[in-house]
C-alpha atoms as a PDB file:
ATOM      1  CA  MET A   1      -2.615   6.343  -0.837  1.00  0.00           C
ATOM      2  CA  TYR A   2      -0.105   8.216   1.261  1.00  0.00           C
ATOM      3  CA  ILE A   3       3.591   8.917   0.794  1.00  0.00           C
ATOM      4  CA  LEU A   4       5.266   8.402   4.172  1.00  0.00           C
ATOM      5  CA  ASP A   5       8.857   9.051   3.101  1.00  0.00           C
ATOM      6  CA  ASP A   6      10.893   9.087  -0.091  1.00  0.00           C
ATOM      7  CA  HIS A   7      10.988   5.286  -0.080  1.00  0.00           C
ATOM      8  CA  ILE A   8       7.717   4.186   1.597  1.00  0.00           C
ATOM      9  CA  VAL A   9       4.059   4.502   0.571  1.00  0.00           C
ATOM     10  CA  CYS A  10       0.940   3.050   2.145  1.00  0.00           C
ATOM     11  CA  ALA A  11      -2.648   2.259   1.300  1.00  0.00           C
ATOM     12  CA  VAL A  12      -5.434   2.453   3.855  1.00  0.00           C
ATOM     13  CA  ALA A  13      -8.582   0.450   4.564  1.00  0.00           C
ATOM     14  CA  GLY A  14     -10.805   1.722   7.346  1.00  0.00           C
ATOM     15  CA  ILE A  15     -11.495   5.026   9.050  1.00  0.00           C
ATOM     16  CA  ASP A  16      -9.757   7.852   7.162  1.00  0.00           C
ATOM     17  CA  SER A  17      -9.483  10.159  10.176  1.00  0.00           C
ATOM     18  CA  ASP A  18      -7.655   7.453  12.147  1.00  0.00           C
ATOM     19  CA  ALA A  19      -5.392   6.874   9.151  1.00  0.00           C
ATOM     20  CA  SER A  20      -4.524  10.575   8.953  1.00  0.00           C
ATOM     21  CA  ILE A  21      -3.340  10.604  12.563  1.00  0.00           C
ATOM     22  CA  LEU A  22      -1.146   7.545  12.052  1.00  0.00           C
ATOM     23  CA  VAL A  23       0.207   8.762   8.699  1.00  0.00           C
ATOM     24  CA  ASN A  24       1.293  12.027  10.312  1.00  0.00           C
ATOM     25  CA  ARG A  25       3.003  10.100  13.111  1.00  0.00           C
ATOM     26  CA  ALA A  26       4.756   7.886  10.539  1.00  0.00           C
ATOM     27  CA  ARG A  27       6.055  10.940   8.711  1.00  0.00           C
ATOM     28  CA  VAL A  28       7.376  12.398  11.960  1.00  0.00           C
ATOM     29  CA  PHE A  29       9.065   9.076  12.831  1.00  0.00           C
ATOM     30  CA  ALA A  30      10.688   8.944   9.402  1.00  0.00           C
ATOM     31  CA  GLN A  31      12.020  12.491   9.635  1.00  0.00           C
ATOM     32  CA  SER A  32      13.182  12.039  13.228  1.00  0.00           C
ATOM     33  CA  TYR A  33      15.077   8.884  12.228  1.00  0.00           C
ATOM     34  CA  LEU A  34      16.660  10.698   9.284  1.00  0.00           C
ATOM     35  CA  LYS A  35      17.722  13.572  11.537  1.00  0.00           C
ATOM     36  CA  THR A  36      19.139  11.256  14.202  1.00  0.00           C
ATOM     37  CA  TYR A  37      20.920   8.662  12.042  1.00  0.00           C
ATOM     38  CA  SER A  38      21.455  10.544   8.750  1.00  0.00           C
ATOM     39  CA  GLU A  39      19.820   7.718   6.806  1.00  0.00           C
ATOM     40  CA  GLU A  40      16.300   6.783   5.811  1.00  0.00           C
ATOM     41  CA  ILE A  41      14.285   4.704   8.244  1.00  0.00           C
ATOM     42  CA  PRO A  42      14.141   0.981   7.380  1.00  0.00           C
ATOM     43  CA  CYS A  43      10.624  -0.059   6.352  1.00  0.00           C
ATOM     44  CA  GLU A  44      10.084  -2.587   9.124  1.00  0.00           C
ATOM     45  CA  ILE A  45      11.151  -0.178  11.851  1.00  0.00           C
ATOM     46  CA  LEU A  46       8.604   2.392  10.662  1.00  0.00           C
ATOM     47  CA  VAL A  47       5.860  -0.246  10.467  1.00  0.00           C
ATOM     48  CA  LYS A  48       6.766  -1.568  13.930  1.00  0.00           C
ATOM     49  CA  ARG A  49       6.650   1.905  15.486  1.00  0.00           C
ATOM     50  CA  LEU A  50       3.179   2.563  14.070  1.00  0.00           C
ATOM     51  CA  CYS A  51       1.969  -0.846  15.196  1.00  0.00           C
ATOM     52  CA  ASP A  52       3.272  -0.193  18.703  1.00  0.00           C
ATOM     53  CA  ILE A  53       1.038   2.891  18.833  1.00  0.00           C
ATOM     54  CA  LYS A  54      -1.947   0.978  17.434  1.00  0.00           C
ATOM     55  CA  GLN A  55      -1.459  -1.862  19.910  1.00  0.00           C
ATOM     56  CA  GLY A  56      -1.197   0.577  22.823  1.00  0.00           C
ATOM     57  CA  TYR A  57      -4.677   1.877  22.080  1.00  0.00           C
ATOM     58  CA  THR A  58      -6.120  -1.632  22.528  1.00  0.00           C
ATOM     59  CA  GLN A  59      -4.891  -1.959  26.131  1.00  0.00           C
ATOM     60  CA  TYR A  60      -6.377   0.888  28.082  1.00  0.00           C
ATOM     61  CA  GLY A  61      -9.916   1.778  29.058  1.00  0.00           C
ATOM     62  CA  GLY A  62     -11.115   5.060  27.648  1.00  0.00           C
ATOM     63  CA  LEU A  63      -9.116   4.709  24.436  1.00  0.00           C
ATOM     64  CA  ARG A  64     -10.737   3.569  21.220  1.00  0.00           C
ATOM     65  CA  PRO A  65      -8.482   1.410  19.031  1.00  0.00           C
ATOM     66  CA  PHE A  66      -7.541   2.836  15.641  1.00  0.00           C
ATOM     67  CA  GLY A  67      -9.977   1.402  13.110  1.00  0.00           C
ATOM     68  CA  VAL A  68      -7.591   1.174  10.189  1.00  0.00           C
ATOM     69  CA  SER A  69      -5.507  -1.412   8.361  1.00  0.00           C
ATOM     70  CA  PHE A  70      -2.509  -0.491   6.226  1.00  0.00           C
ATOM     71  CA  VAL A  71      -0.566  -1.979   3.354  1.00  0.00           C
ATOM     72  CA  PHE A  72       2.977  -0.559   3.357  1.00  0.00           C
ATOM     73  CA  ALA A  73       5.264  -0.811   0.325  1.00  0.00           C
ATOM     74  CA  GLY A  74       8.839   0.360   0.477  1.00  0.00           C
ATOM     75  CA  TYR A  75      12.500  -0.185  -0.149  1.00  0.00           C
ATOM     76  CA  ASP A  76      15.573  -0.095   2.036  1.00  0.00           C
ATOM     77  CA  ASP A  77      19.164  -1.121   1.386  1.00  0.00           C
ATOM     78  CA  LEU A  78      19.085  -3.867   4.017  1.00  0.00           C
ATOM     79  CA  HIS A  79      16.149  -5.958   2.743  1.00  0.00           C
ATOM     80  CA  GLY A  80      15.313  -4.465  -0.672  1.00  0.00           C
ATOM     81  CA  PHE A  81      11.660  -4.147  -1.670  1.00  0.00           C
ATOM     82  CA  GLN A  82       9.189  -4.953   1.102  1.00  0.00           C
ATOM     83  CA  LEU A  83       5.452  -5.240   1.589  1.00  0.00           C
ATOM     84  CA  TYR A  84       3.805  -5.213   5.018  1.00  0.00           C
ATOM     85  CA  THR A  85       0.272  -5.168   6.342  1.00  0.00           C
ATOM     86  CA  SER A  86      -0.935  -4.057   9.738  1.00  0.00           C
ATOM     87  CA  ASN A  87      -4.368  -4.509  11.266  1.00  0.00           C
ATOM     88  CA  PRO A  88      -6.188  -2.443  13.914  1.00  0.00           C
ATOM     89  CA  SER A  89      -4.854  -4.615  16.754  1.00  0.00           C
ATOM     90  CA  GLY A  90      -1.267  -3.604  15.979  1.00  0.00           C
ATOM     91  CA  ASN A  91      -0.141  -6.904  14.445  1.00  0.00           C
ATOM     92  CA  TYR A  92       1.949  -6.634  11.308  1.00  0.00           C
ATOM     93  CA  SER A  93       3.385  -9.110   8.835  1.00  0.00           C
ATOM     94  CA  GLY A  94       5.479  -9.156   5.681  1.00  0.00           C
ATOM     95  CA  TRP A  95       4.189 -10.449   2.348  1.00  0.00           C
ATOM     96  CA  LYS A  96       5.114 -11.026  -1.297  1.00  0.00           C
ATOM     97  CA  ALA A  97       1.577 -10.025  -2.380  1.00  0.00           C
ATOM     98  CA  THR A  98      -1.378  -9.161  -0.173  1.00  0.00           C
ATOM     99  CA  SER A  99      -4.664  -7.331   0.215  1.00  0.00           C
ATOM    100  CA  VAL A 100      -6.641  -5.795   3.078  1.00  0.00           C
ATOM    101  CA  GLY A 101     -10.154  -4.450   3.375  1.00  0.00           C
ATOM    102  CA  ALA A 102     -13.480  -5.535   1.945  1.00  0.00           C
ATOM    103  CA  ASN A 103     -13.286  -8.843   0.066  1.00  0.00           C
ATOM    104  CA  GLY A 104      -9.705  -9.278   1.268  1.00  0.00           C
ATOM    105  CA  ALA A 105     -10.086 -13.060   1.559  1.00  0.00           C
ATOM    106  CA  SER A 106     -11.168 -13.343  -2.091  1.00  0.00           C
ATOM    107  CA  ALA A 107      -8.245 -11.182  -3.146  1.00  0.00           C
ATOM    108  CA  GLN A 108      -5.811 -13.292  -1.104  1.00  0.00           C
ATOM    109  CA  THR A 109      -7.094 -16.472  -2.749  1.00  0.00           C
ATOM    110  CA  LEU A 110      -6.620 -15.005  -6.216  1.00  0.00           C
ATOM    111  CA  LEU A 111      -3.150 -13.720  -5.340  1.00  0.00           C
ATOM    112  CA  LYS A 112      -2.108 -17.157  -4.048  1.00  0.00           C
ATOM    113  CA  GLN A 113      -3.184 -18.730  -7.331  1.00  0.00           C
ATOM    114  CA  GLU A 114      -1.727 -16.185  -9.744  1.00  0.00           C
ATOM    115  CA  TYR A 115       1.312 -14.528  -8.116  1.00  0.00           C
ATOM    116  CA  LYS A 116       4.712 -15.508  -9.448  1.00  0.00           C
ATOM    117  CA  GLU A 117       8.051 -14.583  -7.927  1.00  0.00           C
ATOM    118  CA  ASP A 118       9.539 -13.341 -11.221  1.00  0.00           C
ATOM    119  CA  PHE A 119       6.774 -10.899 -12.245  1.00  0.00           C
ATOM    120  CA  SER A 120       7.783  -7.737 -14.049  1.00  0.00           C
ATOM    121  CA  LEU A 121       6.235  -4.448 -12.924  1.00  0.00           C
ATOM    122  CA  ASP A 122       3.788  -4.569 -15.841  1.00  0.00           C
ATOM    123  CA  GLN A 123       2.711  -8.120 -14.962  1.00  0.00           C
ATOM    124  CA  ALA A 124       2.277  -7.167 -11.295  1.00  0.00           C
ATOM    125  CA  CYS A 125       0.130  -4.167 -12.301  1.00  0.00           C
ATOM    126  CA  GLU A 126      -2.022  -6.417 -14.496  1.00  0.00           C
ATOM    127  CA  LEU A 127      -2.490  -8.864 -11.621  1.00  0.00           C
ATOM    128  CA  ALA A 128      -3.419  -6.013  -9.269  1.00  0.00           C
ATOM    129  CA  MET A 129      -6.043  -4.811 -11.731  1.00  0.00           C
ATOM    130  CA  LYS A 130      -7.399  -8.344 -12.129  1.00  0.00           C
ATOM    131  CA  VAL A 131      -7.704  -8.740  -8.368  1.00  0.00           C
ATOM    132  CA  LEU A 132      -9.429  -5.361  -8.047  1.00  0.00           C
ATOM    133  CA  SER A 133     -11.846  -6.150 -10.870  1.00  0.00           C
ATOM    134  CA  LYS A 134     -12.897  -9.416  -9.192  1.00  0.00           C
ATOM    135  CA  THR A 135     -13.131  -8.098  -5.627  1.00  0.00           C
ATOM    136  CA  MET A 136     -14.476  -4.541  -5.838  1.00  0.00           C
ATOM    137  CA  ASP A 137     -18.160  -3.954  -5.221  1.00  0.00           C
ATOM    138  CA  SER A 138     -18.512  -2.316  -8.617  1.00  0.00           C
ATOM    139  CA  ALA A 139     -19.412  -3.586 -12.069  1.00  0.00           C
ATOM    140  CA  THR A 140     -16.637  -1.695 -13.847  1.00  0.00           C
ATOM    141  CA  LEU A 141     -13.311  -0.218 -12.827  1.00  0.00           C
ATOM    142  CA  THR A 142     -12.612   3.453 -13.477  1.00  0.00           C
ATOM    143  CA  SER A 143      -9.846   5.818 -12.435  1.00  0.00           C
ATOM    144  CA  GLU A 144     -12.420   7.606 -10.252  1.00  0.00           C
ATOM    145  CA  LYS A 145     -12.797   4.488  -8.085  1.00  0.00           C
ATOM    146  CA  LEU A 146      -9.132   3.457  -7.899  1.00  0.00           C
ATOM    147  CA  GLU A 147      -5.915   4.700  -6.421  1.00  0.00           C
ATOM    148  CA  PHE A 148      -2.748   3.004  -7.577  1.00  0.00           C
ATOM    149  CA  SER A 149       0.843   3.344  -6.441  1.00  0.00           C
ATOM    150  CA  THR A 150       4.196   1.732  -7.205  1.00  0.00           C
ATOM    151  CA  VAL A 151       7.637   1.843  -5.623  1.00  0.00           C
ATOM    152  CA  GLY A 152      10.707   1.308  -7.773  1.00  0.00           C
ATOM    153  CA  LYS A 153      14.428   1.844  -8.018  1.00  0.00           C
ATOM    154  CA  ASP A 154      16.061   3.633 -10.926  1.00  0.00           C
ATOM    155  CA  SER A 155      18.674   1.273 -12.355  1.00  0.00           C
ATOM    156  CA  ALA A 156      20.924   4.099 -13.587  1.00  0.00           C
ATOM    157  CA  SER A 157      21.029   6.342 -10.524  1.00  0.00           C
ATOM    158  CA  GLY A 158      20.039   3.804  -7.841  1.00  0.00           C
ATOM    159  CA  LYS A 159      17.499   6.294  -6.490  1.00  0.00           C
ATOM    160  CA  VAL A 160      14.297   4.893  -4.981  1.00  0.00           C
ATOM    161  CA  TYR A 161      11.102   6.496  -6.227  1.00  0.00           C
ATOM    162  CA  GLN A 162       7.426   6.147  -5.506  1.00  0.00           C
ATOM    163  CA  LYS A 163       4.675   6.979  -7.906  1.00  0.00           C
ATOM    164  CA  ILE A 164       1.052   7.605  -7.054  1.00  0.00           C
ATOM    165  CA  TRP A 165      -0.564   7.184 -10.435  1.00  0.00           C
ATOM    166  CA  LYS A 166      -2.610   9.961 -12.006  1.00  0.00           C
ATOM    167  CA  PRO A 167      -6.114   9.158 -13.308  1.00  0.00           C
ATOM    168  CA  ALA A 168      -4.875   9.235 -16.922  1.00  0.00           C
ATOM    169  CA  ASP A 169      -2.209   6.616 -16.092  1.00  0.00           C
ATOM    170  CA  ILE A 170      -4.798   4.404 -14.394  1.00  0.00           C
ATOM    171  CA  ASP A 171      -7.128   4.748 -17.388  1.00  0.00           C
ATOM    172  CA  ALA A 172      -4.291   3.713 -19.716  1.00  0.00           C
ATOM    173  CA  LEU A 173      -3.569   0.657 -17.550  1.00  0.00           C
ATOM    174  CA  LEU A 174      -7.260  -0.276 -17.455  1.00  0.00           C
ATOM    175  CA  LYS A 175      -7.425   0.040 -21.233  1.00  0.00           C
ATOM    176  CA  ALA A 176      -4.262  -2.048 -21.693  1.00  0.00           C
ATOM    177  CA  THR A 177      -5.613  -4.831 -19.475  1.00  0.00           C
ATOM    178  CA  GLY A 178      -9.111  -4.669 -20.964  1.00  0.00           C
ATOM    179  CA  LEU A 179     -10.668  -4.323 -17.504  1.00  0.00           C
ATOM    180  CA  GLY A 180     -11.798  -0.706 -17.668  1.00  0.00           C
ATOM    181  CA  LYS A 181     -15.124   0.811 -18.506  1.00  0.00           C
ATOM    182  CA  ALA A 182     -15.782   0.719 -22.235  1.00  0.00           C
ATOM    183  CA  GLU A 183     -16.088   4.050 -24.003  1.00  0.00           C
ATOM    184  CA  GLU A 184     -19.771   4.892 -24.323  1.00  0.00           C
ATOM    185  CA  ASP A 185     -21.371   7.283 -26.791  1.00  0.00           C
ATOM    186  CA  ASP A 186     -23.761   9.828 -25.293  1.00  0.00           C
END
Protein backbone atom coordinates (compact mmCIF):
# COMPACT_ATOMS: atom_id res chain seq x y z
CA MET A 1 0.00 0.00 0.00
CA TYR A 2 1.23 3.46 -0.87
CA ILE A 3 -0.09 6.91 -0.05
CA LEU A 4 0.18 9.00 -3.21
CA ASP A 5 -1.39 12.20 -1.89
CA ASP A 6 -3.64 13.28 0.96
CA HIS A 7 -6.66 11.90 -0.89
CA ILE A 8 -5.33 8.95 -2.96
CA VAL A 9 -3.86 5.57 -1.99
CA CYS A 10 -2.92 2.60 -4.13
CA ALA A 11 -2.28 -1.10 -3.85
CA VAL A 12 0.22 -2.91 -6.05
CA ALA A 13 0.37 -6.32 -7.71
CA GLY A 14 3.56 -7.16 -9.57
CA ILE A 15 7.19 -6.10 -9.46
CA ASP A 16 7.81 -3.90 -6.40
CA SER A 17 10.78 -2.05 -7.91
CA ASP A 18 8.67 -1.00 -10.91
CA ALA A 19 5.92 0.08 -8.53
CA SER A 20 8.34 2.24 -6.54
CA ILE A 21 9.37 4.16 -9.65
CA LEU A 22 5.76 4.81 -10.65
CA VAL A 23 4.68 5.70 -7.10
CA ASN A 24 7.43 8.31 -6.90
CA ARG A 25 6.34 9.75 -10.25
CA ALA A 26 2.72 9.85 -9.04
CA ARG A 27 3.75 11.76 -5.93
CA VAL A 28 5.67 14.27 -8.03
CA PHE A 29 2.68 14.69 -10.37
CA ALA A 30 0.38 15.28 -7.41
CA GLN A 31 2.66 17.90 -5.86
CA SER A 32 3.31 19.60 -9.20
CA TYR A 33 -0.45 19.84 -9.82
CA LEU A 34 -0.99 21.26 -6.33
CA LYS A 35 1.74 23.85 -6.88
CA THR A 36 0.41 24.84 -10.30
CA TYR A 37 -3.34 24.92 -9.64
CA SER A 38 -3.51 25.35 -5.84
CA GLU A 39 -5.81 22.34 -5.55
CA GLU A 40 -5.38 18.61 -5.20
CA ILE A 41 -5.06 16.58 -8.38
CA PRO A 42 -8.28 14.81 -9.44
CA CYS A 43 -7.95 11.03 -9.12
CA GLU A 44 -8.51 10.23 -12.78
CA ILE A 45 -5.94 12.75 -13.97
CA LEU A 46 -3.28 11.19 -11.73
CA VAL A 47 -4.19 7.68 -12.90
CA LYS A 48 -4.16 8.79 -16.55
CA ARG A 49 -0.73 10.40 -16.23
CA LEU A 50 0.76 7.22 -14.74
CA CYS A 51 -0.89 5.09 -17.41
CA ASP A 52 0.52 7.33 -20.13
CA ILE A 53 4.01 6.56 -18.79
CA LYS A 54 3.26 2.83 -18.56
CA GLN A 55 1.87 2.76 -22.09
CA GLY A 56 4.90 4.62 -23.45
CA TYR A 57 7.18 1.84 -22.24
CA THR A 58 5.27 -0.70 -24.36
CA GLN A 59 5.99 1.12 -27.65
CA TYR A 60 9.72 1.36 -28.00
CA GLY A 61 12.43 -1.22 -28.49
CA GLY A 62 14.95 -1.36 -25.69
CA LEU A 63 12.40 -0.47 -23.01
CA ARG A 64 10.88 -3.11 -20.79
CA PRO A 65 7.23 -2.45 -19.88
CA PHE A 66 6.48 -1.86 -16.20
CA GLY A 67 5.38 -5.18 -14.74
CA VAL A 68 2.89 -3.83 -12.25
CA SER A 69 -0.86 -3.40 -11.86
CA PHE A 70 -2.40 -0.88 -9.49
CA VAL A 71 -5.67 -0.40 -7.66
CA PHE A 72 -6.16 3.31 -6.90
CA ALA A 73 -8.68 4.54 -4.33
CA GLY A 74 -9.31 8.21 -3.82
CA TYR A 75 -11.66 11.12 -3.46
CA ASP A 76 -12.05 14.41 -5.26
CA ASP A 77 -14.75 17.06 -5.12
CA LEU A 78 -15.75 16.55 -8.75
CA HIS A 79 -16.60 12.83 -8.72
CA GLY A 80 -16.51 11.85 -5.02
CA PHE A 81 -15.03 8.48 -4.07
CA GLN A 82 -13.37 6.62 -6.94
CA LEU A 83 -11.70 3.29 -7.58
CA TYR A 84 -9.47 2.64 -10.60
CA THR A 85 -7.28 -0.18 -11.81
CA SER A 86 -4.42 -0.02 -14.26
CA ASN A 87 -2.57 -2.90 -15.88
CA PRO A 88 1.00 -3.10 -17.23
CA SER A 89 -0.10 -2.08 -20.74
CA GLY A 90 -1.26 1.33 -19.50
CA ASN A 91 -5.01 0.69 -19.74
CA TYR A 92 -7.07 1.92 -16.82
CA SER A 93 -10.72 1.66 -15.83
CA GLY A 94 -13.04 2.77 -13.06
CA TRP A 95 -14.89 0.33 -10.80
CA LYS A 96 -17.31 0.08 -7.88
CA ALA A 97 -15.39 -2.95 -6.52
CA THR A 98 -12.43 -4.73 -8.09
CA SER A 99 -9.35 -6.86 -7.61
CA VAL A 100 -6.03 -7.35 -9.40
CA GLY A 101 -3.26 -9.90 -9.08
CA ALA A 102 -3.22 -13.62 -8.43
CA ASN A 103 -6.70 -15.17 -8.39
CA GLY A 104 -8.15 -11.86 -9.58
CA ALA A 105 -10.82 -13.59 -11.68
CA SER A 106 -12.10 -15.53 -8.65
CA ALA A 107 -12.18 -12.33 -6.61
CA GLN A 108 -14.07 -10.50 -9.37
CA THR A 109 -16.68 -13.26 -9.51
CA LEU A 110 -17.22 -13.08 -5.76
CA LEU A 111 -17.41 -9.29 -5.82
CA LYS A 112 -20.02 -9.38 -8.60
CA GLN A 113 -22.16 -11.72 -6.52
CA GLU A 114 -21.85 -10.01 -3.14
CA TYR A 115 -21.24 -6.27 -3.70
CA LYS A 116 -24.11 -3.93 -2.94
CA GLU A 117 -24.24 -0.24 -3.75
CA ASP A 118 -25.34 0.79 -0.24
CA PHE A 119 -22.61 -0.98 1.79
CA SER A 120 -21.36 0.72 4.92
CA LEU A 121 -17.60 0.87 5.50
CA ASP A 122 -17.83 -2.04 7.94
CA GLN A 123 -19.75 -4.17 5.43
CA ALA A 124 -17.25 -3.32 2.68
CA CYS A 125 -14.36 -4.31 4.97
CA GLU A 126 -16.08 -7.62 5.75
CA LEU A 127 -16.57 -8.30 2.04
CA ALA A 128 -12.91 -7.48 1.35
CA MET A 129 -11.83 -9.93 4.03
CA LYS A 130 -14.16 -12.60 2.63
CA VAL A 131 -12.73 -12.14 -0.85
CA LEU A 132 -9.16 -12.30 0.47
CA SER A 133 -9.89 -15.42 2.51
CA LYS A 134 -11.26 -17.23 -0.57
CA THR A 135 -8.61 -16.08 -3.05
CA MET A 136 -5.30 -15.96 -1.16
CA ASP A 137 -2.91 -18.87 -1.49
CA SER A 138 -2.91 -19.36 2.26
CA ALA A 139 -4.97 -21.46 4.64
CA THR A 140 -5.50 -18.68 7.17
CA LEU A 141 -5.41 -14.90 7.07
CA THR A 142 -3.12 -13.01 9.43
CA SER A 143 -2.07 -9.39 9.73
CA GLU A 144 1.42 -10.48 8.64
CA LYS A 145 0.07 -11.51 5.22
CA LEU A 146 -2.32 -8.59 4.63
CA GLU A 147 -2.17 -4.89 4.01
CA PHE A 148 -5.42 -3.00 4.26
CA SER A 149 -6.30 0.60 3.51
CA THR A 150 -9.40 2.79 3.47
CA VAL A 151 -10.20 6.28 2.21
CA GLY A 152 -12.92 8.30 3.89
CA LYS A 153 -14.29 11.77 4.44
CA ASP A 154 -14.86 13.23 7.89
CA SER A 155 -18.50 14.31 8.04
CA ALA A 156 -17.82 17.12 10.54
CA SER A 157 -14.81 18.80 8.95
CA GLY A 158 -15.21 17.57 5.36
CA LYS A 159 -11.53 16.58 5.33
CA VAL A 160 -10.54 13.54 3.27
CA TYR A 161 -8.37 11.02 5.07
CA GLN A 162 -6.68 7.78 4.19
CA LYS A 163 -5.80 5.08 6.64
CA ILE A 164 -3.31 2.29 6.12
CA TRP A 165 -4.35 -0.11 8.84
CA LYS A 166 -1.91 -1.23 11.52
CA PRO A 167 -1.51 -4.98 12.19
CA ALA A 168 -3.55 -4.69 15.41
CA ASP A 169 -6.46 -3.13 13.47
CA ILE A 170 -6.30 -5.89 10.86
CA ASP A 171 -6.25 -8.54 13.59
CA ALA A 172 -9.33 -6.96 15.18
CA LEU A 173 -11.13 -6.99 11.82
CA LEU A 174 -10.16 -10.62 11.21
CA LYS A 175 -11.44 -11.53 14.66
CA ALA A 176 -14.70 -9.63 14.11
CA THR A 177 -15.33 -11.38 10.80
CA GLY A 178 -14.26 -14.79 12.10
CA LEU A 179 -11.81 -15.23 9.21
CA GLY A 180 -8.53 -14.88 11.09
CA LYS A 181 -6.20 -17.46 12.49
CA ALA A 182 -7.56 -18.96 15.69
CA GLU A 183 -5.56 -18.36 18.85
CA GLU A 184 -3.37 -21.40 19.46
CA ASP A 185 -1.82 -22.49 22.75
CA ASP A 186 1.89 -23.28 22.62
